[in-house]
Amino acid sequence: SQAVPEGAPEQHEIRITTRPQGHDHVVVEFSDTGCGIAPEILPRIFDPFFTTKPEGQGTGLGLSICYRIAEEHGGAVRLENLREGGARFVVDLPAESVP
C-alpha cells in the first residue's frame, strides 16, 4: 500500500489473487498500480536489512523473512515489474492434498 500514490482511488488498486499451479502447488500474487521497483534495487530487494524507507521507519526484514519462509517450505517468491506500472510479487507454495 505504501507504493500506491494517495488520492484518486479509482485509478489505483492492490490486488491479491490465488490459483492452483498443477496438482501440487498454489500461487498467490500480490500486485499494485504503484511506481514499480527501481531496476537498480531489484537485485537487493530480498536482502536482510535492505530498505528504501528513511532511517527509523523500517527494519528491512519483511521481504527477506517472507522469502526465507517460502523457501524453507519448498516454495519460492519472485518479483516482477509490470509493463503497465506497478509491481507483482508471486508466491509459489507447495499444496497438500486433502482427501
N, C-alpha and C. Protein backbone atom coordinates (compact mmCIF):
# COMPACT_ATOMS: atom_id res chain seq x y z
N SER A 1 0.82 -1.20 0.00
CA SER A 1 0.00 0.00 0.00
C SER A 1 0.86 1.26 0.00
N GLN A 2 2.09 1.14 0.49
CA GLN A 2 2.96 2.32 0.54
C GLN A 2 3.47 2.71 -0.85
N ALA A 3 3.39 1.81 -1.82
CA ALA A 3 3.86 2.10 -3.17
C ALA A 3 2.79 2.77 -4.03
N VAL A 4 1.56 2.76 -3.56
CA VAL A 4 0.46 3.32 -4.33
C VAL A 4 0.24 4.77 -3.91
N PRO A 5 0.22 5.69 -4.88
CA PRO A 5 0.03 7.11 -4.53
C PRO A 5 -1.29 7.36 -3.82
N GLU A 6 -1.28 8.31 -2.92
CA GLU A 6 -2.51 8.70 -2.23
C GLU A 6 -3.40 9.48 -3.19
N GLY A 7 -4.69 9.43 -2.92
CA GLY A 7 -5.66 10.14 -3.75
C GLY A 7 -6.02 9.34 -4.98
N ALA A 8 -7.05 9.76 -5.67
CA ALA A 8 -7.54 9.12 -6.90
C ALA A 8 -7.68 7.60 -6.75
N PRO A 9 -8.44 7.15 -5.74
CA PRO A 9 -8.57 5.70 -5.53
C PRO A 9 -9.16 4.96 -6.72
N GLU A 10 -9.90 5.64 -7.57
CA GLU A 10 -10.46 4.98 -8.75
C GLU A 10 -9.39 4.61 -9.78
N GLN A 11 -8.18 5.17 -9.63
CA GLN A 11 -7.09 4.89 -10.57
C GLN A 11 -6.08 3.88 -10.02
N HIS A 12 -6.19 3.52 -8.76
CA HIS A 12 -5.18 2.67 -8.14
C HIS A 12 -5.82 1.49 -7.43
N GLU A 13 -5.06 0.41 -7.39
CA GLU A 13 -5.57 -0.77 -6.68
C GLU A 13 -4.43 -1.63 -6.18
N ILE A 14 -4.76 -2.44 -5.22
CA ILE A 14 -3.91 -3.51 -4.74
C ILE A 14 -4.74 -4.77 -4.94
N ARG A 15 -4.18 -5.74 -5.62
CA ARG A 15 -4.93 -6.95 -5.96
C ARG A 15 -4.19 -8.18 -5.42
N ILE A 16 -4.96 -9.08 -4.82
CA ILE A 16 -4.43 -10.36 -4.35
C ILE A 16 -5.23 -11.45 -5.04
N THR A 17 -4.52 -12.34 -5.72
CA THR A 17 -5.19 -13.44 -6.40
C THR A 17 -4.51 -14.76 -6.02
N THR A 18 -5.29 -15.82 -6.06
CA THR A 18 -4.76 -17.16 -5.79
C THR A 18 -5.21 -18.08 -6.92
N ARG A 19 -4.38 -19.09 -7.18
CA ARG A 19 -4.73 -20.08 -8.20
C ARG A 19 -3.92 -21.34 -7.98
N PRO A 20 -4.48 -22.48 -8.36
CA PRO A 20 -3.68 -23.70 -8.29
C PRO A 20 -2.62 -23.68 -9.39
N GLN A 21 -1.50 -24.31 -9.13
CA GLN A 21 -0.42 -24.46 -10.11
C GLN A 21 -0.13 -25.95 -10.21
N GLY A 22 -0.66 -26.57 -11.20
CA GLY A 22 -0.53 -28.02 -11.31
C GLY A 22 -1.34 -28.69 -10.21
N HIS A 23 -0.90 -29.87 -9.81
CA HIS A 23 -1.63 -30.63 -8.79
C HIS A 23 -1.04 -30.46 -7.39
N ASP A 24 0.13 -29.83 -7.32
CA ASP A 24 0.80 -29.83 -6.02
C ASP A 24 1.32 -28.47 -5.56
N HIS A 25 0.87 -27.40 -6.21
CA HIS A 25 1.30 -26.06 -5.80
C HIS A 25 0.13 -25.10 -5.87
N VAL A 26 0.26 -24.02 -5.12
CA VAL A 26 -0.69 -22.91 -5.19
C VAL A 26 0.13 -21.63 -5.36
N VAL A 27 -0.41 -20.70 -6.13
CA VAL A 27 0.27 -19.43 -6.38
C VAL A 27 -0.58 -18.31 -5.81
N VAL A 28 0.06 -17.43 -5.06
CA VAL A 28 -0.60 -16.23 -4.53
C VAL A 28 0.14 -15.04 -5.14
N GLU A 29 -0.60 -14.15 -5.79
CA GLU A 29 0.01 -12.96 -6.41
C GLU A 29 -0.49 -11.70 -5.72
N PHE A 30 0.44 -10.82 -5.43
CA PHE A 30 0.14 -9.51 -4.85
C PHE A 30 0.61 -8.47 -5.85
N SER A 31 -0.32 -7.70 -6.40
CA SER A 31 0.08 -6.70 -7.38
C SER A 31 -0.51 -5.34 -7.02
N ASP A 32 0.13 -4.29 -7.53
CA ASP A 32 -0.36 -2.94 -7.27
C ASP A 32 -0.16 -2.08 -8.50
N THR A 33 -0.73 -0.91 -8.47
CA THR A 33 -0.61 0.04 -9.57
C THR A 33 0.33 1.18 -9.19
N GLY A 34 1.26 0.90 -8.29
CA GLY A 34 2.21 1.91 -7.83
C GLY A 34 3.29 2.19 -8.87
N CYS A 35 4.42 2.65 -8.39
CA CYS A 35 5.51 3.09 -9.28
C CYS A 35 6.42 1.95 -9.72
N GLY A 36 6.25 0.75 -9.18
CA GLY A 36 7.14 -0.35 -9.52
C GLY A 36 8.42 -0.28 -8.70
N ILE A 37 9.32 -1.18 -8.98
CA ILE A 37 10.59 -1.27 -8.25
C ILE A 37 11.70 -0.78 -9.16
N ALA A 38 12.49 0.16 -8.68
CA ALA A 38 13.60 0.69 -9.47
C ALA A 38 14.55 -0.44 -9.85
N PRO A 39 14.97 -0.51 -11.11
CA PRO A 39 15.84 -1.61 -11.56
C PRO A 39 17.11 -1.76 -10.74
N GLU A 40 17.67 -0.67 -10.25
CA GLU A 40 18.93 -0.76 -9.50
C GLU A 40 18.78 -1.41 -8.13
N ILE A 41 17.56 -1.48 -7.60
CA ILE A 41 17.39 -2.13 -6.30
C ILE A 41 16.81 -3.54 -6.41
N LEU A 42 16.38 -3.94 -7.59
CA LEU A 42 15.81 -5.28 -7.77
C LEU A 42 16.72 -6.39 -7.24
N PRO A 43 18.03 -6.36 -7.51
CA PRO A 43 18.88 -7.45 -7.02
C PRO A 43 18.98 -7.54 -5.50
N ARG A 44 18.62 -6.47 -4.79
CA ARG A 44 18.77 -6.45 -3.33
C ARG A 44 17.45 -6.55 -2.58
N ILE A 45 16.35 -6.61 -3.28
CA ILE A 45 15.03 -6.46 -2.66
C ILE A 45 14.75 -7.49 -1.56
N PHE A 46 15.34 -8.69 -1.65
CA PHE A 46 15.11 -9.72 -0.64
C PHE A 46 16.25 -9.83 0.37
N ASP A 47 17.23 -8.94 0.30
CA ASP A 47 18.35 -8.96 1.24
C ASP A 47 17.90 -8.53 2.64
N PRO A 48 18.35 -9.25 3.67
CA PRO A 48 18.03 -8.82 5.04
C PRO A 48 18.55 -7.41 5.29
N PHE A 49 17.73 -6.62 5.94
CA PHE A 49 18.03 -5.25 6.36
C PHE A 49 18.07 -4.25 5.21
N PHE A 50 17.71 -4.66 3.99
CA PHE A 50 17.64 -3.70 2.89
C PHE A 50 16.29 -3.00 2.94
N THR A 51 16.30 -1.69 2.90
CA THR A 51 15.07 -0.91 2.89
C THR A 51 15.28 0.37 2.11
N THR A 52 14.21 0.86 1.54
CA THR A 52 14.25 2.15 0.86
C THR A 52 13.60 3.23 1.72
N LYS A 53 13.15 2.83 2.89
CA LYS A 53 12.50 3.78 3.80
C LYS A 53 13.54 4.62 4.53
N PRO A 54 13.12 5.78 5.00
CA PRO A 54 14.04 6.61 5.79
C PRO A 54 14.45 5.90 7.08
N GLU A 55 15.59 6.27 7.60
CA GLU A 55 16.09 5.68 8.83
C GLU A 55 15.04 5.78 9.93
N GLY A 56 14.88 4.68 10.66
CA GLY A 56 13.91 4.65 11.75
C GLY A 56 12.50 4.29 11.32
N GLN A 57 12.27 4.03 10.02
CA GLN A 57 10.92 3.72 9.53
C GLN A 57 10.83 2.34 8.90
N GLY A 58 11.58 1.42 9.40
CA GLY A 58 11.52 0.06 8.88
C GLY A 58 12.84 -0.64 9.11
N THR A 59 12.76 -1.95 9.25
CA THR A 59 13.98 -2.72 9.52
C THR A 59 14.55 -3.37 8.27
N GLY A 60 13.75 -3.47 7.22
CA GLY A 60 14.22 -4.14 6.02
C GLY A 60 14.23 -5.65 6.16
N LEU A 61 13.38 -6.18 7.03
CA LEU A 61 13.35 -7.62 7.25
C LEU A 61 12.13 -8.31 6.65
N GLY A 62 11.08 -7.57 6.37
CA GLY A 62 9.83 -8.18 5.93
C GLY A 62 9.95 -9.08 4.72
N LEU A 63 10.53 -8.57 3.63
CA LEU A 63 10.63 -9.37 2.42
C LEU A 63 11.62 -10.51 2.56
N SER A 64 12.71 -10.28 3.27
CA SER A 64 13.68 -11.37 3.43
C SER A 64 13.08 -12.50 4.27
N ILE A 65 12.29 -12.18 5.27
CA ILE A 65 11.64 -13.21 6.09
C ILE A 65 10.62 -13.98 5.25
N CYS A 66 9.81 -13.28 4.47
CA CYS A 66 8.83 -13.95 3.61
C CYS A 66 9.52 -14.88 2.62
N TYR A 67 10.60 -14.41 2.03
CA TYR A 67 11.37 -15.20 1.07
C TYR A 67 11.88 -16.49 1.72
N ARG A 68 12.45 -16.34 2.88
CA ARG A 68 13.02 -17.50 3.58
C ARG A 68 11.94 -18.49 4.01
N ILE A 69 10.81 -18.01 4.51
CA ILE A 69 9.72 -18.90 4.91
C ILE A 69 9.24 -19.70 3.70
N ALA A 70 9.02 -19.04 2.59
CA ALA A 70 8.57 -19.74 1.38
C ALA A 70 9.60 -20.78 0.95
N GLU A 71 10.86 -20.39 0.94
CA GLU A 71 11.94 -21.29 0.54
C GLU A 71 12.03 -22.52 1.47
N GLU A 72 11.92 -22.30 2.77
CA GLU A 72 12.01 -23.41 3.73
C GLU A 72 10.84 -24.38 3.62
N HIS A 73 9.74 -23.94 3.01
CA HIS A 73 8.59 -24.82 2.81
C HIS A 73 8.54 -25.38 1.39
N GLY A 74 9.63 -25.23 0.65
CA GLY A 74 9.68 -25.78 -0.70
C GLY A 74 9.05 -24.89 -1.75
N GLY A 75 8.87 -23.62 -1.42
CA GLY A 75 8.27 -22.69 -2.35
C GLY A 75 9.26 -21.66 -2.84
N ALA A 76 8.73 -20.61 -3.43
CA ALA A 76 9.58 -19.55 -3.98
C ALA A 76 8.80 -18.24 -3.99
N VAL A 77 9.53 -17.14 -3.98
CA VAL A 77 8.94 -15.80 -4.12
C VAL A 77 9.73 -15.08 -5.20
N ARG A 78 9.03 -14.44 -6.10
CA ARG A 78 9.71 -13.63 -7.10
C ARG A 78 8.96 -12.31 -7.27
N LEU A 79 9.66 -11.37 -7.82
CA LEU A 79 9.11 -10.03 -8.02
C LEU A 79 9.26 -9.66 -9.48
N GLU A 80 8.24 -9.01 -10.02
CA GLU A 80 8.33 -8.52 -11.39
C GLU A 80 7.67 -7.16 -11.49
N ASN A 81 8.28 -6.28 -12.24
CA ASN A 81 7.65 -5.01 -12.56
C ASN A 81 6.65 -5.24 -13.68
N LEU A 82 5.54 -4.56 -13.62
CA LEU A 82 4.51 -4.71 -14.64
C LEU A 82 4.67 -3.64 -15.72
N ARG A 83 4.47 -4.03 -16.96
CA ARG A 83 4.59 -3.07 -18.07
C ARG A 83 3.69 -1.86 -17.89
N GLU A 84 2.49 -2.11 -17.40
CA GLU A 84 1.51 -1.03 -17.25
C GLU A 84 1.75 -0.19 -15.99
N GLY A 85 2.78 -0.52 -15.24
CA GLY A 85 3.10 0.20 -13.99
C GLY A 85 2.79 -0.67 -12.79
N GLY A 86 3.50 -0.44 -11.73
CA GLY A 86 3.30 -1.23 -10.54
C GLY A 86 4.22 -2.45 -10.52
N ALA A 87 3.99 -3.29 -9.54
CA ALA A 87 4.81 -4.47 -9.36
C ALA A 87 3.93 -5.64 -8.93
N ARG A 88 4.49 -6.84 -9.07
CA ARG A 88 3.77 -8.05 -8.66
C ARG A 88 4.75 -8.97 -7.94
N PHE A 89 4.35 -9.38 -6.75
CA PHE A 89 5.06 -10.43 -6.02
C PHE A 89 4.30 -11.72 -6.26
N VAL A 90 5.02 -12.76 -6.65
CA VAL A 90 4.41 -14.05 -6.92
C VAL A 90 4.98 -15.04 -5.90
N VAL A 91 4.09 -15.62 -5.11
CA VAL A 91 4.48 -16.59 -4.09
C VAL A 91 3.97 -17.95 -4.54
N ASP A 92 4.87 -18.88 -4.74
CA ASP A 92 4.55 -20.24 -5.19
C ASP A 92 4.84 -21.18 -4.02
N LEU A 93 3.82 -21.86 -3.55
CA LEU A 93 3.95 -22.73 -2.38
C LEU A 93 3.44 -24.13 -2.68
N PRO A 94 4.07 -25.15 -2.11
CA PRO A 94 3.54 -26.50 -2.27
C PRO A 94 2.18 -26.59 -1.56
N ALA A 95 1.30 -27.36 -2.16
CA ALA A 95 -0.04 -27.55 -1.59
C ALA A 95 -0.18 -29.01 -1.16
N GLU A 96 -0.80 -29.20 -0.04
CA GLU A 96 -1.03 -30.55 0.45
C GLU A 96 -2.39 -31.02 -0.04
N SER A 97 -2.45 -32.24 -0.51
CA SER A 97 -3.72 -32.82 -0.95
C SER A 97 -4.58 -33.10 0.26
N VAL A 98 -5.85 -32.83 0.11
CA VAL A 98 -6.83 -33.11 1.16
C VAL A 98 -7.75 -34.22 0.65
N PRO A 99 -7.81 -35.33 1.39
CA PRO A 99 -8.66 -36.45 0.93
C PRO A 99 -10.12 -36.09 0.95
